[in-house]
Amino acid sequence: MNRLKIKLSTPEMVSWFINVCSKYKCDINLYDGRNVIDAKSFISVFAIAQGKVIEVQAISSNESVISSFVEDMRKFEV
């Protein structure tokens, strides 16, 4: 399960990103250096992720879920 580099430049992108992540039942993590946050938490994502390059990872053993997630993240990819 690879991490993808993304950037959430605006508050609208943060909101859109969280809505996309919320449709998945698996855990989704954001990595900002040593910090790991829940990608479905609006407050955490907004506080840490806006305007900088971060990494995102869906935690699932289901390859179709991972493939779908990677496709959804393409709109945020750096």
PDB file of N, CA and C in Angstrom:
ATOM      1  N   MET A   1       0.848  -1.182   0.000  1.00  0.00           N
ATOM      2  CA  MET A   1       0.000   0.000   0.000  1.00  0.00           C
ATOM      3  C   MET A   1       0.887   1.236   0.000  1.00  0.00           C
ATOM      4  N   ASN A   2       0.933   1.859  -1.119  1.00  0.00           N
ATOM      5  CA  ASN A   2       1.800   3.007  -1.273  1.00  0.00           C
ATOM      6  C   ASN A   2       1.123   4.291  -0.821  1.00  0.00           C
ATOM      7  N   ARG A   3       1.951   5.215  -0.429  1.00  0.00           N
ATOM      8  CA  ARG A   3       1.468   6.540  -0.070  1.00  0.00           C
ATOM      9  C   ARG A   3       1.496   7.416  -1.316  1.00  0.00           C
ATOM     10  N   LEU A   4       0.514   8.295  -1.426  1.00  0.00           N
ATOM     11  CA  LEU A   4       0.446   9.240  -2.530  1.00  0.00           C
ATOM     12  C   LEU A   4       0.708  10.641  -2.009  1.00  0.00           C
ATOM     13  N   LYS A   5       1.437  11.435  -2.763  1.00  0.00           N
ATOM     14  CA  LYS A   5       1.668  12.828  -2.391  1.00  0.00           C
ATOM     15  C   LYS A   5       0.546  13.672  -2.964  1.00  0.00           C
ATOM     16  N   ILE A   6      -0.073  14.462  -2.079  1.00  0.00           N
ATOM     17  CA  ILE A   6      -1.179  15.325  -2.486  1.00  0.00           C
ATOM     18  C   ILE A   6      -0.961  16.724  -1.930  1.00  0.00           C
ATOM     19  N   LYS A   7      -1.752  17.665  -2.444  1.00  0.00           N
ATOM     20  CA  LYS A   7      -1.745  19.027  -1.906  1.00  0.00           C
ATOM     21  C   LYS A   7      -3.179  19.543  -1.923  1.00  0.00           C
ATOM     22  N   LEU A   8      -3.603  20.062  -0.776  1.00  0.00           N
ATOM     23  CA  LEU A   8      -4.946  20.620  -0.611  1.00  0.00           C
ATOM     24  C   LEU A   8      -4.787  22.135  -0.474  1.00  0.00           C
ATOM     25  N   SER A   9      -4.918  22.843  -1.578  1.00  0.00           N
ATOM     26  CA  SER A   9      -4.569  24.264  -1.634  1.00  0.00           C
ATOM     27  C   SER A   9      -5.595  25.216  -1.031  1.00  0.00           C
ATOM     28  N   THR A  10      -6.850  24.824  -1.028  1.00  0.00           N
ATOM     29  CA  THR A  10      -7.908  25.729  -0.566  1.00  0.00           C
ATOM     30  C   THR A  10      -8.808  25.021   0.450  1.00  0.00           C
ATOM     31  N   PRO A  11      -9.583  25.796   1.211  1.00  0.00           N
ATOM     32  CA  PRO A  11     -10.545  25.167   2.127  1.00  0.00           C
ATOM     33  C   PRO A  11     -11.561  24.292   1.385  1.00  0.00           C
ATOM     34  N   GLU A  12     -11.915  24.684   0.171  1.00  0.00           N
ATOM     35  CA  GLU A  12     -12.847  23.890  -0.621  1.00  0.00           C
ATOM     36  C   GLU A  12     -12.251  22.531  -0.975  1.00  0.00           C
ATOM     37  N   MET A  13     -10.954  22.528  -1.303  1.00  0.00           N
ATOM     38  CA  MET A  13     -10.283  21.267  -1.618  1.00  0.00           C
ATOM     39  C   MET A  13     -10.215  20.363  -0.387  1.00  0.00           C
ATOM     40  N   VAL A  14      -9.991  20.964   0.794  1.00  0.00           N
ATOM     41  CA  VAL A  14      -9.971  20.183   2.038  1.00  0.00           C
ATOM     42  C   VAL A  14     -11.334  19.521   2.240  1.00  0.00           C
ATOM     43  N   SER A  15     -12.377  20.284   2.083  1.00  0.00           N
ATOM     44  CA  SER A  15     -13.732  19.762   2.256  1.00  0.00           C
ATOM     45  C   SER A  15     -14.029  18.667   1.235  1.00  0.00           C
ATOM     46  N   TRP A  16     -13.673  18.887   0.003  1.00  0.00           N
ATOM     47  CA  TRP A  16     -13.887  17.908  -1.056  1.00  0.00           C
ATOM     48  C   TRP A  16     -13.098  16.633  -0.765  1.00  0.00           C
ATOM     49  N   PHE A  17     -11.848  16.780  -0.335  1.00  0.00           N
ATOM     50  CA  PHE A  17     -10.998  15.647   0.012  1.00  0.00           C
ATOM     51  C   PHE A  17     -11.632  14.812   1.127  1.00  0.00           C
ATOM     52  N   ILE A  18     -12.105  15.459   2.171  1.00  0.00           N
ATOM     53  CA  ILE A  18     -12.712  14.739   3.297  1.00  0.00           C
ATOM     54  C   ILE A  18     -13.985  14.022   2.854  1.00  0.00           C
ATOM     55  N   ASN A  19     -14.773  14.650   2.001  1.00  0.00           N
ATOM     56  CA  ASN A  19     -15.976  13.988   1.483  1.00  0.00           C
ATOM     57  C   ASN A  19     -15.617  12.737   0.686  1.00  0.00           C
ATOM     58  N   VAL A  20     -14.569  12.814  -0.120  1.00  0.00           N
ATOM     59  CA  VAL A  20     -14.123  11.646  -0.883  1.00  0.00           C
ATOM     60  C   VAL A  20     -13.662  10.551   0.074  1.00  0.00           C
ATOM     61  N   CYS A  21     -12.850  10.909   1.060  1.00  0.00           N
ATOM     62  CA  CYS A  21     -12.335   9.925   2.019  1.00  0.00           C
ATOM     63  C   CYS A  21     -13.449   9.284   2.841  1.00  0.00           C
ATOM     64  N   SER A  22     -14.474  10.050   3.147  1.00  0.00           N
ATOM     65  CA  SER A  22     -15.561   9.557   4.001  1.00  0.00           C
ATOM     66  C   SER A  22     -16.385   8.456   3.355  1.00  0.00           C
ATOM     67  N   LYS A  23     -16.312   8.325   2.055  1.00  0.00           N
ATOM     68  CA  LYS A  23     -17.087   7.264   1.402  1.00  0.00           C
ATOM     69  C   LYS A  23     -16.434   5.887   1.556  1.00  0.00           C
ATOM     70  N   TYR A  24     -15.194   5.862   2.035  1.00  0.00           N
ATOM     71  CA  TYR A  24     -14.483   4.597   2.231  1.00  0.00           C
ATOM     72  C   TYR A  24     -14.643   4.127   3.679  1.00  0.00           C
ATOM     73  N   LYS A  25     -14.849   2.829   3.856  1.00  0.00           N
ATOM     74  CA  LYS A  25     -15.003   2.260   5.198  1.00  0.00           C
ATOM     75  C   LYS A  25     -13.659   1.999   5.864  1.00  0.00           C
ATOM     76  N   CYS A  26     -12.603   1.932   5.067  1.00  0.00           N
ATOM     77  CA  CYS A  26     -11.274   1.657   5.628  1.00  0.00           C
ATOM     78  C   CYS A  26     -10.680   2.922   6.257  1.00  0.00           C
ATOM     79  N   ASP A  27      -9.636   2.724   7.050  1.00  0.00           N
ATOM     80  CA  ASP A  27      -8.909   3.857   7.614  1.00  0.00           C
ATOM     81  C   ASP A  27      -8.095   4.526   6.514  1.00  0.00           C
ATOM     82  N   ILE A  28      -8.025   5.844   6.590  1.00  0.00           N
ATOM     83  CA  ILE A  28      -7.203   6.615   5.659  1.00  0.00           C
ATOM     84  C   ILE A  28      -6.373   7.575   6.502  1.00  0.00           C
ATOM     85  N   ASN A  29      -5.072   7.509   6.319  1.00  0.00           N
ATOM     86  CA  ASN A  29      -4.150   8.327   7.096  1.00  0.00           C
ATOM     87  C   ASN A  29      -3.481   9.375   6.233  1.00  0.00           C
ATOM     88  N   LEU A  30      -3.216  10.511   6.854  1.00  0.00           N
ATOM     89  CA  LEU A  30      -2.386  11.556   6.256  1.00  0.00           C
ATOM     90  C   LEU A  30      -1.091  11.613   7.037  1.00  0.00           C
ATOM     91  N   TYR A  31       0.008  11.772   6.332  1.00  0.00           N
ATOM     92  CA  TYR A  31       1.327  11.816   6.952  1.00  0.00           C
ATOM     93  C   TYR A  31       1.966  13.168   6.660  1.00  0.00           C
ATOM     94  N   ASP A  32       2.315  13.865   7.715  1.00  0.00           N
ATOM     95  CA  ASP A  32       2.997  15.156   7.623  1.00  0.00           C
ATOM     96  C   ASP A  32       4.243  15.050   8.498  1.00  0.00           C
ATOM     97  N   GLY A  33       5.326  14.613   7.894  1.00  0.00           N
ATOM     98  CA  GLY A  33       6.519  14.364   8.696  1.00  0.00           C
ATOM     99  C   GLY A  33       6.256  13.215   9.644  1.00  0.00           C
ATOM    100  N   ARG A  34       6.394  13.472  10.933  1.00  0.00           N
ATOM    101  CA  ARG A  34       6.151  12.438  11.942  1.00  0.00           C
ATOM    102  C   ARG A  34       4.694  12.350  12.370  1.00  0.00           C
ATOM    103  N   ASN A  35       3.896  13.318  11.993  1.00  0.00           N
ATOM    104  CA  ASN A  35       2.487  13.335  12.387  1.00  0.00           C
ATOM    105  C   ASN A  35       1.660  12.444  11.471  1.00  0.00           C
ATOM    106  N   VAL A  36       0.783  11.658  12.083  1.00  0.00           N
ATOM    107  CA  VAL A  36      -0.170  10.832  11.354  1.00  0.00           C
ATOM    108  C   VAL A  36      -1.554  11.254  11.831  1.00  0.00           C
ATOM    109  N   ILE A  37      -2.409  11.643  10.870  1.00  0.00           N
ATOM    110  CA  ILE A  37      -3.748  12.083  11.255  1.00  0.00           C
ATOM    111  C   ILE A  37      -4.802  11.334  10.456  1.00  0.00           C
ATOM    112  N   ASP A  38      -5.994  11.308  10.998  1.00  0.00           N
ATOM    113  CA  ASP A  38      -7.149  10.683  10.357  1.00  0.00           C
ATOM    114  C   ASP A  38      -7.622  11.592   9.226  1.00  0.00           C
ATOM    115  N   ALA A  39      -7.627  11.073   8.008  1.00  0.00           N
ATOM    116  CA  ALA A  39      -8.002  11.869   6.840  1.00  0.00           C
ATOM    117  C   ALA A  39      -9.489  12.197   6.793  1.00  0.00           C
ATOM    118  N   LYS A  40     -10.274  11.608   7.677  1.00  0.00           N
ATOM    119  CA  LYS A  40     -11.711  11.882   7.706  1.00  0.00           C
ATOM    120  C   LYS A  40     -12.085  12.931   8.752  1.00  0.00           C
ATOM    121  N   SER A  41     -11.101  13.449   9.453  1.00  0.00           N
ATOM    122  CA  SER A  41     -11.327  14.451  10.492  1.00  0.00           C
ATOM    123  C   SER A  41     -11.119  15.847   9.922  1.00  0.00           C
ATOM    124  N   PHE A  42     -12.208  16.580   9.768  1.00  0.00           N
ATOM    125  CA  PHE A  42     -12.136  17.902   9.149  1.00  0.00           C
ATOM    126  C   PHE A  42     -11.173  18.824   9.893  1.00  0.00           C
ATOM    127  N   ILE A  43     -11.291  18.887  11.187  1.00  0.00           N
ATOM    128  CA  ILE A  43     -10.466  19.805  11.976  1.00  0.00           C
ATOM    129  C   ILE A  43      -8.985  19.448  11.842  1.00  0.00           C
ATOM    130  N   SER A  44      -8.657  18.185  11.947  1.00  0.00           N
ATOM    131  CA  SER A  44      -7.258  17.767  11.845  1.00  0.00           C
ATOM    132  C   SER A  44      -6.689  18.033  10.464  1.00  0.00           C
ATOM    133  N   VAL A  45      -7.437  17.674   9.436  1.00  0.00           N
ATOM    134  CA  VAL A  45      -6.954  17.871   8.069  1.00  0.00           C
ATOM    135  C   VAL A  45      -6.792  19.354   7.775  1.00  0.00           C
ATOM    136  N   PHE A  46      -7.773  20.130   8.146  1.00  0.00           N
ATOM    137  CA  PHE A  46      -7.713  21.567   7.885  1.00  0.00           C
ATOM    138  C   PHE A  46      -6.531  22.201   8.609  1.00  0.00           C
ATOM    139  N   ALA A  47      -6.279  21.796   9.835  1.00  0.00           N
ATOM    140  CA  ALA A  47      -5.208  22.383  10.635  1.00  0.00           C
ATOM    141  C   ALA A  47      -3.824  22.023  10.115  1.00  0.00           C
ATOM    142  N   ILE A  48      -3.662  20.818   9.606  1.00  0.00           N
ATOM    143  CA  ILE A  48      -2.328  20.341   9.248  1.00  0.00           C
ATOM    144  C   ILE A  48      -2.052  20.377   7.749  1.00  0.00           C
ATOM    145  N   ALA A  49      -3.057  20.101   6.930  1.00  0.00           N
ATOM    146  CA  ALA A  49      -2.792  19.789   5.532  1.00  0.00           C
ATOM    147  C   ALA A  49      -2.921  20.943   4.547  1.00  0.00           C
ATOM    148  N   GLN A  50      -3.633  21.981   4.882  1.00  0.00           N
ATOM    149  CA  GLN A  50      -3.931  22.997   3.875  1.00  0.00           C
ATOM    150  C   GLN A  50      -2.675  23.707   3.382  1.00  0.00           C
ATOM    151  N   GLY A  51      -2.483  23.654   2.067  1.00  0.00           N
ATOM    152  CA  GLY A  51      -1.435  24.418   1.422  1.00  0.00           C
ATOM    153  C   GLY A  51      -0.065  23.771   1.352  1.00  0.00           C
ATOM    154  N   LYS A  52       0.106  22.569   1.876  1.00  0.00           N
ATOM    155  CA  LYS A  52       1.419  21.935   1.771  1.00  0.00           C
ATOM    156  C   LYS A  52       1.299  20.524   1.245  1.00  0.00           C
ATOM    157  N   VAL A  53       2.404  20.014   0.752  1.00  0.00           N
ATOM    158  CA  VAL A  53       2.428  18.651   0.216  1.00  0.00           C
ATOM    159  C   VAL A  53       2.475  17.669   1.380  1.00  0.00           C
ATOM    160  N   ILE A  54       1.557  16.732   1.369  1.00  0.00           N
ATOM    161  CA  ILE A  54       1.459  15.698   2.400  1.00  0.00           C
ATOM    162  C   ILE A  54       1.269  14.350   1.707  1.00  0.00           C
ATOM    163  N   GLU A  55       1.333  13.287   2.467  1.00  0.00           N
ATOM    164  CA  GLU A  55       1.122  11.955   1.919  1.00  0.00           C
ATOM    165  C   GLU A  55      -0.163  11.364   2.489  1.00  0.00           C
ATOM    166  N   VAL A  56      -0.862  10.606   1.654  1.00  0.00           N
ATOM    167  CA  VAL A  56      -2.108   9.964   2.058  1.00  0.00           C
ATOM    168  C   VAL A  56      -2.011   8.472   1.744  1.00  0.00           C
ATOM    169  N   GLN A  57      -2.649   7.667   2.606  1.00  0.00           N
ATOM    170  CA  GLN A  57      -2.627   6.222   2.419  1.00  0.00           C
ATOM    171  C   GLN A  57      -3.931   5.622   2.926  1.00  0.00           C
ATOM    172  N   ALA A  58      -4.554   4.800   2.090  1.00  0.00           N
ATOM    173  CA  ALA A  58      -5.720   4.021   2.514  1.00  0.00           C
ATOM    174  C   ALA A  58      -5.214   2.697   3.068  1.00  0.00           C
ATOM    175  N   ILE A  59      -5.736   2.291   4.209  1.00  0.00           N
ATOM    176  CA  ILE A  59      -5.320   1.067   4.866  1.00  0.00           C
ATOM    177  C   ILE A  59      -6.384  -0.007   4.609  1.00  0.00           C
ATOM    178  N   SER A  60      -6.107  -0.874   3.638  1.00  0.00           N
ATOM    179  CA  SER A  60      -7.053  -1.928   3.288  1.00  0.00           C
ATOM    180  C   SER A  60      -6.306  -3.060   2.598  1.00  0.00           C
ATOM    181  N   SER A  61      -6.795  -4.271   2.791  1.00  0.00           N
ATOM    182  CA  SER A  61      -6.226  -5.421   2.091  1.00  0.00           C
ATOM    183  C   SER A  61      -6.981  -5.711   0.799  1.00  0.00           C
ATOM    184  N   ASN A  62      -8.059  -4.982   0.557  1.00  0.00           N
ATOM    185  CA  ASN A  62      -8.868  -5.155  -0.644  1.00  0.00           C
ATOM    186  C   ASN A  62      -8.286  -4.307  -1.780  1.00  0.00           C
ATOM    187  N   GLU A  63      -7.750  -4.973  -2.801  1.00  0.00           N
ATOM    188  CA  GLU A  63      -7.098  -4.268  -3.911  1.00  0.00           C
ATOM    189  C   GLU A  63      -8.052  -3.368  -4.689  1.00  0.00           C
ATOM    190  N   SER A  64      -9.314  -3.746  -4.798  1.00  0.00           N
ATOM    191  CA  SER A  64     -10.268  -2.896  -5.523  1.00  0.00           C
ATOM    192  C   SER A  64     -10.532  -1.597  -4.769  1.00  0.00           C
ATOM    193  N   VAL A  65     -10.528  -1.659  -3.446  1.00  0.00           N
ATOM    194  CA  VAL A  65     -10.685  -0.447  -2.635  1.00  0.00           C
ATOM    195  C   VAL A  65      -9.473   0.463  -2.835  1.00  0.00           C
ATOM    196  N   ILE A  66      -8.285  -0.115  -2.814  1.00  0.00           N
ATOM    197  CA  ILE A  66      -7.062   0.664  -3.000  1.00  0.00           C
ATOM    198  C   ILE A  66      -7.052   1.304  -4.385  1.00  0.00           C
ATOM    199  N   SER A  67      -7.396   0.543  -5.408  1.00  0.00           N
ATOM    200  CA  SER A  67      -7.422   1.073  -6.782  1.00  0.00           C
ATOM    201  C   SER A  67      -8.413   2.222  -6.917  1.00  0.00           C
ATOM    202  N   SER A  68      -9.577   2.051  -6.346  1.00  0.00           N
ATOM    203  CA  SER A  68     -10.591   3.104  -6.386  1.00  0.00           C
ATOM    204  C   SER A  68     -10.109   4.352  -5.646  1.00  0.00           C
ATOM    205  N   PHE A  69      -9.484   4.141  -4.495  1.00  0.00           N
ATOM    206  CA  PHE A  69      -8.970   5.254  -3.702  1.00  0.00           C
ATOM    207  C   PHE A  69      -7.888   6.015  -4.470  1.00  0.00           C
ATOM    208  N   VAL A  70      -6.958   5.290  -5.066  1.00  0.00           N
ATOM    209  CA  VAL A  70      -5.882   5.927  -5.837  1.00  0.00           C
ATOM    210  C   VAL A  70      -6.469   6.755  -6.973  1.00  0.00           C
ATOM    211  N   GLU A  71      -7.477   6.215  -7.643  1.00  0.00           N
ATOM    212  CA  GLU A  71      -8.130   6.956  -8.729  1.00  0.00           C
ATOM    213  C   GLU A  71      -8.785   8.227  -8.198  1.00  0.00           C
ATOM    214  N   ASP A  72      -9.454   8.150  -7.059  1.00  0.00           N
ATOM    215  CA  ASP A  72     -10.091   9.333  -6.467  1.00  0.00           C
ATOM    216  C   ASP A  72      -9.064  10.386  -6.046  1.00  0.00           C
ATOM    217  N   MET A  73      -7.880   9.955  -5.646  1.00  0.00           N
ATOM    218  CA  MET A  73      -6.858  10.883  -5.176  1.00  0.00           C
ATOM    219  C   MET A  73      -6.123  11.593  -6.308  1.00  0.00           C
ATOM    220  N   ARG A  74      -6.304  11.154  -7.534  1.00  0.00           N
ATOM    221  CA  ARG A  74      -5.600  11.772  -8.663  1.00  0.00           C
ATOM    222  C   ARG A  74      -5.899  13.266  -8.784  1.00  0.00           C
ATOM    223  N   LYS A  75      -7.086  13.682  -8.381  1.00  0.00           N
ATOM    224  CA  LYS A  75      -7.437  15.106  -8.468  1.00  0.00           C
ATOM    225  C   LYS A  75      -6.689  15.979  -7.456  1.00  0.00           C
ATOM    226  N   PHE A  76      -6.075  15.334  -6.471  1.00  0.00           N
ATOM    227  CA  PHE A  76      -5.323  16.066  -5.444  1.00  0.00           C
ATOM    228  C   PHE A  76      -3.823  15.863  -5.564  1.00  0.00           C
ATOM    229  N   GLU A  77      -3.420  14.935  -6.435  1.00  0.00           N
ATOM    230  CA  GLU A  77      -2.020  14.530  -6.534  1.00  0.00           C
ATOM    231  C   GLU A  77      -1.117  15.671  -6.996  1.00  0.00           C
ATOM    232  N   VAL A  78       0.097  15.649  -6.463  1.00  0.00           N
ATOM    233  CA  VAL A  78       1.096  16.657  -6.832  1.00  0.00           C
ATOM    234  C   VAL A  78       1.895  16.137  -7.995  1.00  0.00           C
TER     235      VAL A  78
END
